[in-house]
C-alpha atoms as a PDB file:
ATOM      1  CA  MET A   1      19.138  12.364 -21.878  1.00  0.00           C
ATOM      2  CA  ARG A   2      17.357   9.953 -24.226  1.00  0.00           C
ATOM      3  CA  PHE A   3      18.188   7.046 -21.935  1.00  0.00           C
ATOM      4  CA  PHE A   4      17.045   8.975 -18.812  1.00  0.00           C
ATOM      5  CA  ALA A   5      13.795   9.907 -20.521  1.00  0.00           C
ATOM      6  CA  ALA A   6      13.172   6.330 -21.712  1.00  0.00           C
ATOM      7  CA  GLN A   7      13.893   4.895 -18.214  1.00  0.00           C
ATOM      8  CA  LEU A   8      11.581   7.466 -16.620  1.00  0.00           C
ATOM      9  CA  LEU A   9       8.758   6.518 -18.970  1.00  0.00           C
ATOM     10  CA  ARG A  10       9.394   2.828 -18.244  1.00  0.00           C
ATOM     11  CA  PHE A  11       9.291   3.493 -14.532  1.00  0.00           C
ATOM     12  CA  ALA A  12       6.080   5.576 -14.796  1.00  0.00           C
ATOM     13  CA  TRP A  13       4.433   2.818 -16.795  1.00  0.00           C
ATOM     14  CA  ALA A  14       5.473   0.158 -14.332  1.00  0.00           C
ATOM     15  CA  GLU A  15       4.165   2.296 -11.430  1.00  0.00           C
ATOM     16  CA  ALA A  16       0.818   2.829 -13.325  1.00  0.00           C
ATOM     17  CA  ARG A  17       0.517  -1.010 -13.755  1.00  0.00           C
ATOM     18  CA  SER A  18       1.268  -1.491 -10.090  1.00  0.00           C
ATOM     19  CA  CYS A  19      -1.447   1.017  -9.114  1.00  0.00           C
ATOM     20  CA  ALA A  20      -4.050  -0.424 -11.442  1.00  0.00           C
ATOM     21  CA  PHE A  21      -6.231  -1.898  -8.668  1.00  0.00           C
ATOM     22  CA  ALA A  22      -6.152   1.289  -6.674  1.00  0.00           C
ATOM     23  CA  VAL A  23      -6.927   3.399  -9.753  1.00  0.00           C
ATOM     24  CA  ALA A  24      -9.891   1.148 -10.540  1.00  0.00           C
ATOM     25  CA  LEU A  25     -11.281   1.652  -7.016  1.00  0.00           C
ATOM     26  CA  PHE A  26     -10.848   5.474  -7.200  1.00  0.00           C
ATOM     27  CA  ALA A  27     -12.549   5.474 -10.571  1.00  0.00           C
ATOM     28  CA  GLY A  28     -15.512   3.675  -8.869  1.00  0.00           C
ATOM     29  CA  LEU A  29     -15.540   6.197  -6.061  1.00  0.00           C
ATOM     30  CA  ALA A  30     -15.543   9.062  -8.488  1.00  0.00           C
ATOM     31  CA  VAL A  31     -18.292   7.649 -10.788  1.00  0.00           C
ATOM     32  CA  SER A  32     -20.475   6.603  -7.807  1.00  0.00           C
ATOM     33  CA  SER A  33     -20.303  10.182  -6.383  1.00  0.00           C
ATOM     34  CA  VAL A  34     -21.946  11.732  -9.417  1.00  0.00           C
ATOM     35  CA  LEU A  35     -24.233   9.002 -11.000  1.00  0.00           C
ATOM     36  CA  PRO A  36     -27.544   7.908  -9.514  1.00  0.00           C
ATOM     37  CA  LEU A  37     -27.429   4.297  -8.355  1.00  0.00           C
ATOM     38  CA  PRO A  38     -30.228   1.729  -7.863  1.00  0.00           C
ATOM     39  CA  ILE A  39     -28.785   0.621  -4.547  1.00  0.00           C
ATOM     40  CA  PRO A  40     -26.993   2.502  -1.699  1.00  0.00           C
ATOM     41  CA  ARG A  41     -23.607   3.744  -2.796  1.00  0.00           C
ATOM     42  CA  TYR A  42     -21.517   1.771  -0.277  1.00  0.00           C
ATOM     43  CA  ASP A  43     -23.344  -1.462  -1.377  1.00  0.00           C
ATOM     44  CA  ALA A  44     -22.678  -0.667  -4.971  1.00  0.00           C
ATOM     45  CA  LEU A  45     -19.009  -0.026  -4.239  1.00  0.00           C
ATOM     46  CA  LEU A  46     -18.757  -3.461  -2.614  1.00  0.00           C
ATOM     47  CA  VAL A  47     -20.246  -5.148  -5.669  1.00  0.00           C
ATOM     48  CA  TYR A  48     -17.921  -3.060  -7.914  1.00  0.00           C
ATOM     49  CA  ALA A  49     -14.778  -3.909  -5.845  1.00  0.00           C
ATOM     50  CA  VAL A  50     -15.508  -7.655  -5.894  1.00  0.00           C
ATOM     51  CA  GLY A  51     -16.024  -7.403  -9.657  1.00  0.00           C
ATOM     52  CA  VAL A  52     -12.676  -5.601 -10.122  1.00  0.00           C
ATOM     53  CA  THR A  53     -10.986  -8.343  -8.073  1.00  0.00           C
ATOM     54  CA  VAL A  54     -12.442 -11.075 -10.195  1.00  0.00           C
ATOM     55  CA  LEU A  55     -11.665  -9.214 -13.421  1.00  0.00           C
ATOM     56  CA  PHE A  56      -8.014  -8.722 -12.421  1.00  0.00           C
ATOM     57  CA  ARG A  57      -7.782 -12.479 -11.726  1.00  0.00           C
ATOM     58  CA  VAL A  58      -9.491 -13.496 -14.938  1.00  0.00           C
ATOM     59  CA  LEU A  59      -7.187 -11.218 -16.964  1.00  0.00           C
ATOM     60  CA  ARG A  60      -4.219 -12.597 -15.000  1.00  0.00           C
ATOM     61  CA  TRP A  61      -3.143  -9.129 -13.889  1.00  0.00           C
ATOM     62  CA  GLU A  62      -2.859 -10.762 -10.430  1.00  0.00           C
ATOM     63  CA  SER A  63      -2.022 -14.364  -9.638  1.00  0.00           C
ATOM     64  CA  THR A  64      -4.132 -16.603  -7.507  1.00  0.00           C
ATOM     65  CA  ALA A  65      -1.540 -16.319  -4.682  1.00  0.00           C
ATOM     66  CA  GLU A  66      -1.588 -12.501  -4.960  1.00  0.00           C
ATOM     67  CA  THR A  67      -5.324 -12.468  -4.805  1.00  0.00           C
ATOM     68  CA  VAL A  68      -5.335 -14.566  -1.631  1.00  0.00           C
ATOM     69  CA  VAL A  69      -2.731 -12.277  -0.045  1.00  0.00           C
ATOM     70  CA  ILE A  70      -4.748  -9.175  -1.024  1.00  0.00           C
ATOM     71  CA  ALA A  71      -7.863 -10.750   0.397  1.00  0.00           C
ATOM     72  CA  GLY A  72      -5.915 -11.083   3.670  1.00  0.00           C
ATOM     73  CA  PHE A  73      -5.251  -7.344   3.590  1.00  0.00           C
ATOM     74  CA  HIS A  74      -9.024  -6.810   3.122  1.00  0.00           C
ATOM     75  CA  LEU A  75      -9.729  -8.703   6.321  1.00  0.00           C
ATOM     76  CA  VAL A  76      -6.957  -7.067   8.350  1.00  0.00           C
ATOM     77  CA  GLY A  77      -8.085  -3.628   7.150  1.00  0.00           C
ATOM     78  CA  LEU A  78     -11.766  -4.330   7.830  1.00  0.00           C
ATOM     79  CA  ALA A  79     -10.910  -5.304  11.439  1.00  0.00           C
ATOM     80  CA  PHE A  80      -8.884  -2.085  11.825  1.00  0.00           C
ATOM     81  CA  GLU A  81     -11.729  -0.011  10.437  1.00  0.00           C
ATOM     82  CA  MET A  82     -14.279  -1.511  12.848  1.00  0.00           C
ATOM     83  CA  ILE A  83     -12.082  -0.582  15.788  1.00  0.00           C
ATOM     84  CA  LYS A  84     -11.291   2.927  14.607  1.00  0.00           C
ATOM     85  CA  VAL A  85     -14.824   3.822  13.526  1.00  0.00           C
ATOM     86  CA  ARG A  86     -16.132   2.657  16.963  1.00  0.00           C
ATOM     87  CA  LEU A  87     -13.590   4.861  18.631  1.00  0.00           C
ATOM     88  CA  GLY A  88     -14.685   7.870  16.524  1.00  0.00           C
ATOM     89  CA  SER A  89     -11.494   8.384  14.530  1.00  0.00           C
ATOM     90  CA  TRP A  90     -13.586   8.644  11.335  1.00  0.00           C
ATOM     91  CA  SER A  91     -16.964   7.663  10.025  1.00  0.00           C
ATOM     92  CA  TYR A  92     -18.943   6.479   6.994  1.00  0.00           C
ATOM     93  CA  PRO A  93     -21.996   8.814   6.918  1.00  0.00           C
ATOM     94  CA  GLU A  94     -24.052   7.136   4.202  1.00  0.00           C
ATOM     95  CA  ASP A  95     -26.523   4.351   4.726  1.00  0.00           C
ATOM     96  CA  ALA A  96     -25.986   0.847   3.388  1.00  0.00           C
ATOM     97  CA  CYS A  97     -27.212  -2.665   3.837  1.00  0.00           C
ATOM     98  CA  THR A  98     -23.559  -3.980   3.994  1.00  0.00           C
ATOM     99  CA  LYS A  99     -22.468  -1.939   7.009  1.00  0.00           C
ATOM    100  CA  VAL A 100     -21.285  -3.809  10.030  1.00  0.00           C
ATOM    101  CA  GLY A 101     -20.613  -1.849  13.186  1.00  0.00           C
ATOM    102  CA  GLY A 102     -20.876   1.377  11.136  1.00  0.00           C
ATOM    103  CA  VAL A 103     -18.229   0.149   8.635  1.00  0.00           C
ATOM    104  CA  PRO A 104     -19.208  -0.662   5.057  1.00  0.00           C
ATOM    105  CA  LEU A 105     -17.635  -3.938   3.910  1.00  0.00           C
ATOM    106  CA  TYR A 106     -16.199  -2.304   0.779  1.00  0.00           C
ATOM    107  CA  SER A 107     -13.757  -0.315   2.987  1.00  0.00           C
ATOM    108  CA  GLY A 108     -11.519  -3.335   3.352  1.00  0.00           C
ATOM    109  CA  PHE A 109     -10.761  -3.050  -0.289  1.00  0.00           C
ATOM    110  CA  LEU A 110      -9.047   0.249   0.328  1.00  0.00           C
ATOM    111  CA  TYR A 111      -6.482  -1.544   2.362  1.00  0.00           C
ATOM    112  CA  ALA A 112      -6.425  -4.354  -0.181  1.00  0.00           C
ATOM    113  CA  ALA A 113      -5.499  -1.704  -2.819  1.00  0.00           C
ATOM    114  CA  VAL A 114      -2.351  -0.907  -0.801  1.00  0.00           C
ATOM    115  CA  GLY A 115      -1.520  -4.616  -0.543  1.00  0.00           C
ATOM    116  CA  SER A 116      -2.186  -4.972  -4.279  1.00  0.00           C
ATOM    117  CA  TYR A 117       0.292  -2.205  -5.019  1.00  0.00           C
ATOM    118  CA  VAL A 118       3.120  -3.702  -2.927  1.00  0.00           C
ATOM    119  CA  CYS A 119       2.492  -7.228  -4.345  1.00  0.00           C
ATOM    120  CA  THR A 120       2.297  -6.126  -7.938  1.00  0.00           C
ATOM    121  CA  ALA A 121       5.258  -3.734  -7.678  1.00  0.00           C
ATOM    122  CA  TRP A 122       7.305  -6.524  -6.102  1.00  0.00           C
ATOM    123  CA  ARG A 123       6.665  -8.633  -9.248  1.00  0.00           C
ATOM    124  CA  ILE A 124       6.920  -5.978 -11.899  1.00  0.00           C
ATOM    125  CA  PHE A 125      10.036  -4.336 -10.476  1.00  0.00           C
ATOM    126  CA  SER A 126      11.572  -7.729  -9.392  1.00  0.00           C
ATOM    127  CA  LEU A 127      12.159  -6.181  -5.912  1.00  0.00           C
ATOM    128  CA  ARG A 128      14.868  -7.729  -3.732  1.00  0.00           C
ATOM    129  CA  LEU A 129      16.228  -6.609  -0.399  1.00  0.00           C
ATOM    130  CA  VAL A 130      19.735  -6.309   0.972  1.00  0.00           C
ATOM    131  CA  ALA A 131      20.545  -6.280   4.663  1.00  0.00           C
ATOM    132  CA  TYR A 132      16.817  -6.751   5.591  1.00  0.00           C
ATOM    133  CA  ARG A 133      16.415  -7.635   9.333  1.00  0.00           C
ATOM    134  CA  THR A 134      13.295  -9.778   9.312  1.00  0.00           C
ATOM    135  CA  VAL A 135      12.688 -10.200  13.051  1.00  0.00           C
ATOM    136  CA  PRO A 136      13.344  -6.607  14.287  1.00  0.00           C
ATOM    137  CA  VAL A 137      11.429  -4.973  11.400  1.00  0.00           C
ATOM    138  CA  THR A 138       8.489  -7.378  11.920  1.00  0.00           C
ATOM    139  CA  LEU A 139       8.406  -6.647  15.643  1.00  0.00           C
ATOM    140  CA  VAL A 140       8.338  -2.902  15.082  1.00  0.00           C
ATOM    141  CA  ALA A 141       5.641  -3.229  12.424  1.00  0.00           C
ATOM    142  CA  LEU A 142       3.542  -5.242  14.855  1.00  0.00           C
ATOM    143  CA  ALA A 143       4.060  -2.604  17.474  1.00  0.00           C
ATOM    144  CA  ILE A 144       3.010   0.121  15.004  1.00  0.00           C
ATOM    145  CA  TYR A 145      -0.246  -1.761  14.133  1.00  0.00           C
ATOM    146  CA  VAL A 146      -1.105  -2.275  17.923  1.00  0.00           C
ATOM    147  CA  ASN A 147      -0.281   1.403  18.683  1.00  0.00           C
ATOM    148  CA  PHE A 148      -2.795   2.701  16.206  1.00  0.00           C
ATOM    149  CA  VAL A 149      -5.426   1.141  18.448  1.00  0.00           C
ATOM    150  CA  SER A 150      -3.865   1.379  21.898  1.00  0.00           C
ATOM    151  CA  GLN A 151      -3.116   5.070  21.539  1.00  0.00           C
ATOM    152  CA  HIS A 152      -6.788   5.684  22.368  1.00  0.00           C
ATOM    153  CA  TRP A 153      -6.292   4.269  25.917  1.00  0.00           C
ATOM    154  CA  TRP A 154      -2.618   4.679  26.458  1.00  0.00           C
ATOM    155  CA  ILE A 155       0.352   6.749  25.188  1.00  0.00           C
ATOM    156  CA  ASP A 156       0.633   7.501  21.474  1.00  0.00           C
ATOM    157  CA  LEU A 157       4.015   6.024  20.544  1.00  0.00           C
ATOM    158  CA  ARG A 158       4.056   7.005  16.891  1.00  0.00           C
ATOM    159  CA  VAL A 159       7.103   9.210  17.181  1.00  0.00           C
ATOM    160  CA  PRO A 160       9.371   6.701  19.025  1.00  0.00           C
ATOM    161  CA  LEU A 161       8.102   3.911  16.825  1.00  0.00           C
ATOM    162  CA  ALA A 162       9.045   6.044  13.760  1.00  0.00           C
ATOM    163  CA  PHE A 163      12.584   6.344  15.107  1.00  0.00           C
ATOM    164  CA  ALA A 164      12.601   2.594  15.848  1.00  0.00           C
ATOM    165  CA  LEU A 165      11.527   1.861  12.288  1.00  0.00           C
ATOM    166  CA  VAL A 166      14.358   4.028  10.887  1.00  0.00           C
ATOM    167  CA  LEU A 167      16.792   2.287  13.262  1.00  0.00           C
ATOM    168  CA  VAL A 168      15.840  -1.335  12.287  1.00  0.00           C
ATOM    169  CA  THR A 169      15.731  -0.461   8.510  1.00  0.00           C
ATOM    170  CA  TRP A 170      18.948   1.496   8.548  1.00  0.00           C
ATOM    171  CA  GLY A 171      21.213   0.165   5.825  1.00  0.00           C
ATOM    172  CA  THR A 172      18.399  -1.866   4.289  1.00  0.00           C
ATOM    173  CA  VAL A 173      18.335  -1.369   0.537  1.00  0.00           C
ATOM    174  CA  VAL A 174      15.615  -2.161  -1.972  1.00  0.00           C
ATOM    175  CA  HIS A 175      16.806  -3.259  -5.401  1.00  0.00           C
ATOM    176  CA  PHE A 176      14.520  -2.929  -8.402  1.00  0.00           C
ATOM    177  CA  ILE A 177      14.783  -3.371 -12.122  1.00  0.00           C
ATOM    178  CA  VAL A 178      13.670  -0.842 -14.821  1.00  0.00           C
ATOM    179  CA  GLY A 179      14.302  -1.534 -18.453  1.00  0.00           C
ATOM    180  CA  GLY A 180      16.873  -4.282 -17.687  1.00  0.00           C
ATOM    181  CA  HIS A 181      18.910  -2.058 -15.399  1.00  0.00           C
ATOM    182  CA  ARG A 182      19.084  -2.597 -11.619  1.00  0.00           C
ATOM    183  CA  TYR A 183      18.656   0.329  -9.305  1.00  0.00           C
ATOM    184  CA  GLN A 184      18.607   0.700  -5.528  1.00  0.00           C
ATOM    185  CA  MET A 185      17.013   2.869  -2.905  1.00  0.00           C
ATOM    186  CA  PRO A 186      16.969   2.844   0.968  1.00  0.00           C
ATOM    187  CA  LEU A 187      13.915   0.999   2.294  1.00  0.00           C
ATOM    188  CA  VAL A 188      13.061   3.768   4.733  1.00  0.00           C
ATOM    189  CA  LEU A 189      12.926   6.322   1.781  1.00  0.00           C
ATOM    190  CA  SER A 190      10.700   3.960  -0.121  1.00  0.00           C
ATOM    191  CA  LEU A 191       8.276   3.690   2.864  1.00  0.00           C
ATOM    192  CA  ALA A 192       8.188   7.520   3.204  1.00  0.00           C
ATOM    193  CA  LEU A 193       7.430   8.079  -0.450  1.00  0.00           C
ATOM    194  CA  ILE A 194       4.627   5.498  -0.455  1.00  0.00           C
ATOM    195  CA  GLY A 195       3.270   7.110   2.673  1.00  0.00           C
ATOM    196  CA  PHE A 196       3.221  10.504   1.031  1.00  0.00           C
ATOM    197  CA  PHE A 197       1.373   9.307  -2.000  1.00  0.00           C
ATOM    198  CA  LEU A 198      -1.149   7.451   0.219  1.00  0.00           C
ATOM    199  CA  TRP A 199      -1.761  10.729   2.009  1.00  0.00           C
ATOM    200  CA  VAL A 200      -2.457  12.395  -1.323  1.00  0.00           C
ATOM    201  CA  ALA A 201      -4.776   9.543  -2.218  1.00  0.00           C
ATOM    202  CA  GLU A 202      -6.543   9.878   1.149  1.00  0.00           C
ATOM    203  CA  ASN A 203      -7.299  13.494   0.423  1.00  0.00           C
ATOM    204  CA  LEU A 204      -8.914  12.487  -2.905  1.00  0.00           C
ATOM    205  CA  ALA A 205     -10.803   9.609  -1.233  1.00  0.00           C
ATOM    206  CA  THR A 206     -12.288  11.868   1.499  1.00  0.00           C
ATOM    207  CA  PHE A 207     -13.208  14.493  -1.129  1.00  0.00           C
ATOM    208  CA  LEU A 208     -15.095  11.755  -3.040  1.00  0.00           C
ATOM    209  CA  GLY A 209     -16.854  10.745   0.214  1.00  0.00           C
ATOM    210  CA  ALA A 210     -15.151   7.364   0.726  1.00  0.00           C
ATOM    211  CA  TRP A 211     -15.099   8.151   4.419  1.00  0.00           C
ATOM    212  CA  GLN A 212     -15.098  11.316   6.609  1.00  0.00           C
ATOM    213  CA  TYR A 213     -13.017  12.717   9.450  1.00  0.00           C
ATOM    214  CA  PRO A 214     -14.812  14.640  12.243  1.00  0.00           C
ATOM    215  CA  TYR A 215     -13.373  17.971  11.026  1.00  0.00           C
ATOM    216  CA  GLN A 216     -14.791  17.302   7.541  1.00  0.00           C
ATOM    217  CA  ARG A 217     -18.449  17.003   8.524  1.00  0.00           C
ATOM    218  CA  GLU A 218     -19.434  20.542   7.802  1.00  0.00           C
ATOM    219  CA  THR A 219     -17.202  20.946   4.737  1.00  0.00           C
ATOM    220  CA  TRP A 220     -14.308  19.090   3.105  1.00  0.00           C
ATOM    221  CA  ARG A 221     -10.868  20.064   4.448  1.00  0.00           C
ATOM    222  CA  LEU A 222      -7.412  18.900   3.624  1.00  0.00           C
ATOM    223  CA  VAL A 223      -6.424  15.803   5.603  1.00  0.00           C
ATOM    224  CA  HIS A 224      -4.058  16.813   8.394  1.00  0.00           C
ATOM    225  CA  PRO A 225      -0.388  16.577   7.236  1.00  0.00           C
ATOM    226  CA  ALA A 226       0.358  14.341  10.281  1.00  0.00           C
ATOM    227  CA  LYS A 227      -1.547  11.635   8.493  1.00  0.00           C
ATOM    228  CA  PHE A 228       1.384  11.451   6.027  1.00  0.00           C
ATOM    229  CA  GLY A 229       3.540  10.087   8.826  1.00  0.00           C
ATOM    230  CA  ALA A 230       0.754   7.700   9.914  1.00  0.00           C
ATOM    231  CA  TRP A 231       0.565   6.278   6.450  1.00  0.00           C
ATOM    232  CA  ALA A 232       4.318   5.893   6.200  1.00  0.00           C
ATOM    233  CA  LEU A 233       4.137   3.816   9.468  1.00  0.00           C
ATOM    234  CA  LEU A 234       1.106   1.834   8.403  1.00  0.00           C
ATOM    235  CA  VAL A 235       2.574   0.914   4.988  1.00  0.00           C
ATOM    236  CA  SER A 236       5.483  -0.706   6.869  1.00  0.00           C
ATOM    237  CA  VAL A 237       2.957  -3.232   8.191  1.00  0.00           C
ATOM    238  CA  THR A 238       1.852  -3.941   4.605  1.00  0.00           C
ATOM    239  CA  PHE A 239       5.532  -4.278   3.508  1.00  0.00           C
ATOM    240  CA  VAL A 240       6.356  -6.725   6.297  1.00  0.00           C
ATOM    241  CA  ILE A 241       3.351  -8.968   5.365  1.00  0.00           C
ATOM    242  CA  VAL A 242       4.342  -9.034   1.649  1.00  0.00           C
ATOM    243  CA  ALA A 243       8.031  -9.485   2.524  1.00  0.00           C
ATOM    244  CA  THR A 244       7.208 -12.461   4.670  1.00  0.00           C
ATOM    245  CA  TRP A 245       5.182 -13.973   1.828  1.00  0.00           C
ATOM    246  CA  GLN A 246       8.005 -13.333  -0.628  1.00  0.00           C
ATOM    247  CA  ALA A 247      10.537 -14.929   1.672  1.00  0.00           C
ATOM    248  CA  SER A 248       8.520 -18.124   1.579  1.00  0.00           C
ATOM    249  CA  ARG A 249       8.865 -18.009  -2.199  1.00  0.00           C
ATOM    250  CA  GLY A 250      12.597 -17.335  -2.189  1.00  0.00           C
ATOM    251  CA  ARG A 251      12.113 -13.837  -3.556  1.00  0.00           C
ATOM    252  CA  LEU A 252      13.177 -11.666  -0.644  1.00  0.00           C
ATOM    253  CA  HIS A 253      17.025 -11.277  -0.577  1.00  0.00           C
ATOM    254  CA  LEU A 254      19.314 -10.192  -3.467  1.00  0.00           C
ATOM    255  CA  THR A 255      22.068 -12.653  -4.078  1.00  0.00           C
ATOM    256  CA  ALA A 256      25.643 -11.455  -3.656  1.00  0.00           C
ATOM    257  CA  ALA A 257      26.379 -12.160  -7.308  1.00  0.00           C
ATOM    258  CA  SER A 258      23.714  -9.647  -8.425  1.00  0.00           C
ATOM    259  CA  ARG A 259      24.495  -6.760  -6.096  1.00  0.00           C
ATOM    260  CA  GLY A 260      26.960  -4.897  -8.263  1.00  0.00           C
ATOM    261  CA  ALA A 261      29.417  -2.207  -6.997  1.00  0.00           C
ATOM    262  CA  SER A 262      27.349   0.939  -6.764  1.00  0.00           C
ATOM    263  CA  ARG A 263      25.870   1.874  -3.376  1.00  0.00           C
ATOM    264  CA  GLY A 264      24.220   5.099  -4.316  1.00  0.00           C
ATOM    265  CA  TRP A 265      20.373   5.209  -4.100  1.00  0.00           C
ATOM    266  CA  ALA A 266      18.354   5.369  -7.332  1.00  0.00           C
ATOM    267  CA  LEU A 267      21.506   4.835  -9.382  1.00  0.00           C
ATOM    268  CA  PRO A 268      21.976   1.999 -11.852  1.00  0.00           C
ATOM    269  CA  VAL A 269      23.956  -0.858 -10.376  1.00  0.00           C
ATOM    270  CA  ARG A 270      24.217  -3.014 -13.515  1.00  0.00           C
ATOM    271  CA  ARG A 271      22.276  -4.242 -16.464  1.00  0.00           C
ATOM    272  CA  ILE A 272      20.834  -7.699 -15.694  1.00  0.00           C
ATOM    273  CA  PRO A 273      18.291  -9.825 -17.512  1.00  0.00           C
ATOM    274  CA  GLN A 274      15.148 -10.738 -15.572  1.00  0.00           C
ATOM    275  CA  ALA A 275      14.592 -14.332 -14.609  1.00  0.00           C
ATOM    276  CA  PRO A 276      11.477 -15.917 -16.198  1.00  0.00           C
ATOM    277  CA  GLY A 277       9.736 -16.116 -12.865  1.00  0.00           C
ATOM    278  CA  ASP A 278      10.161 -12.344 -12.255  1.00  0.00           C
ATOM    279  CA  ARG A 279       8.616 -11.209 -15.542  1.00  0.00           C
END
């Protein structure tokens, strides 16, 4: 029991460190919703988000390479926002000088926060994959991203794409290290769990006025549970981008010598020291 409690605390601390960028953004959203500001709120949030990014780099909580990758998520997310806001999926009701096409530039940092979590968790937990099918998973993730836009003019393929994602990730296992012990979990379960917590975070974000769905204009309401599935699908796009980057660094696949014998999820495989580059 002492070992379990200690490992649980180590896991929680590692998760907290991985979520640091997202927590900092939510803190900014919360404070800006109650304190008077000298400039429009969305403009202030943009300045704040840029400041947080610089601070994380100066403190070396994120490497230069991670910062560049996260900036890429900001641009991808911003392009996605401009399309979805124009189509009326959600809106940003407050005025700001830094709004383009109805989208405040700070909104890209919300996607960057998801990218930051995946990048940081990959480093902190020394994530490695077994039986990861790069090409099929990448193609399905690309189709998911396109469908989020094309569904407004064509058929919504989220359900068949969800089945396709389960199919191409079936048997793929994520290995991670906590307290010197290696554990494993199915990739599809990892994506579902991240999607659920992103849905919880979205409820908090809309409550704080980060953005607004049409049914929240009169009064705040719980984000529709179907969004949980949407986030689980969308996070697969983030995961594929980070996995592609990690593959270029030789940090994607787990070597055969390190796999161990256990095949149960979230069970210790073996105790293994971390390589200097994974610390």
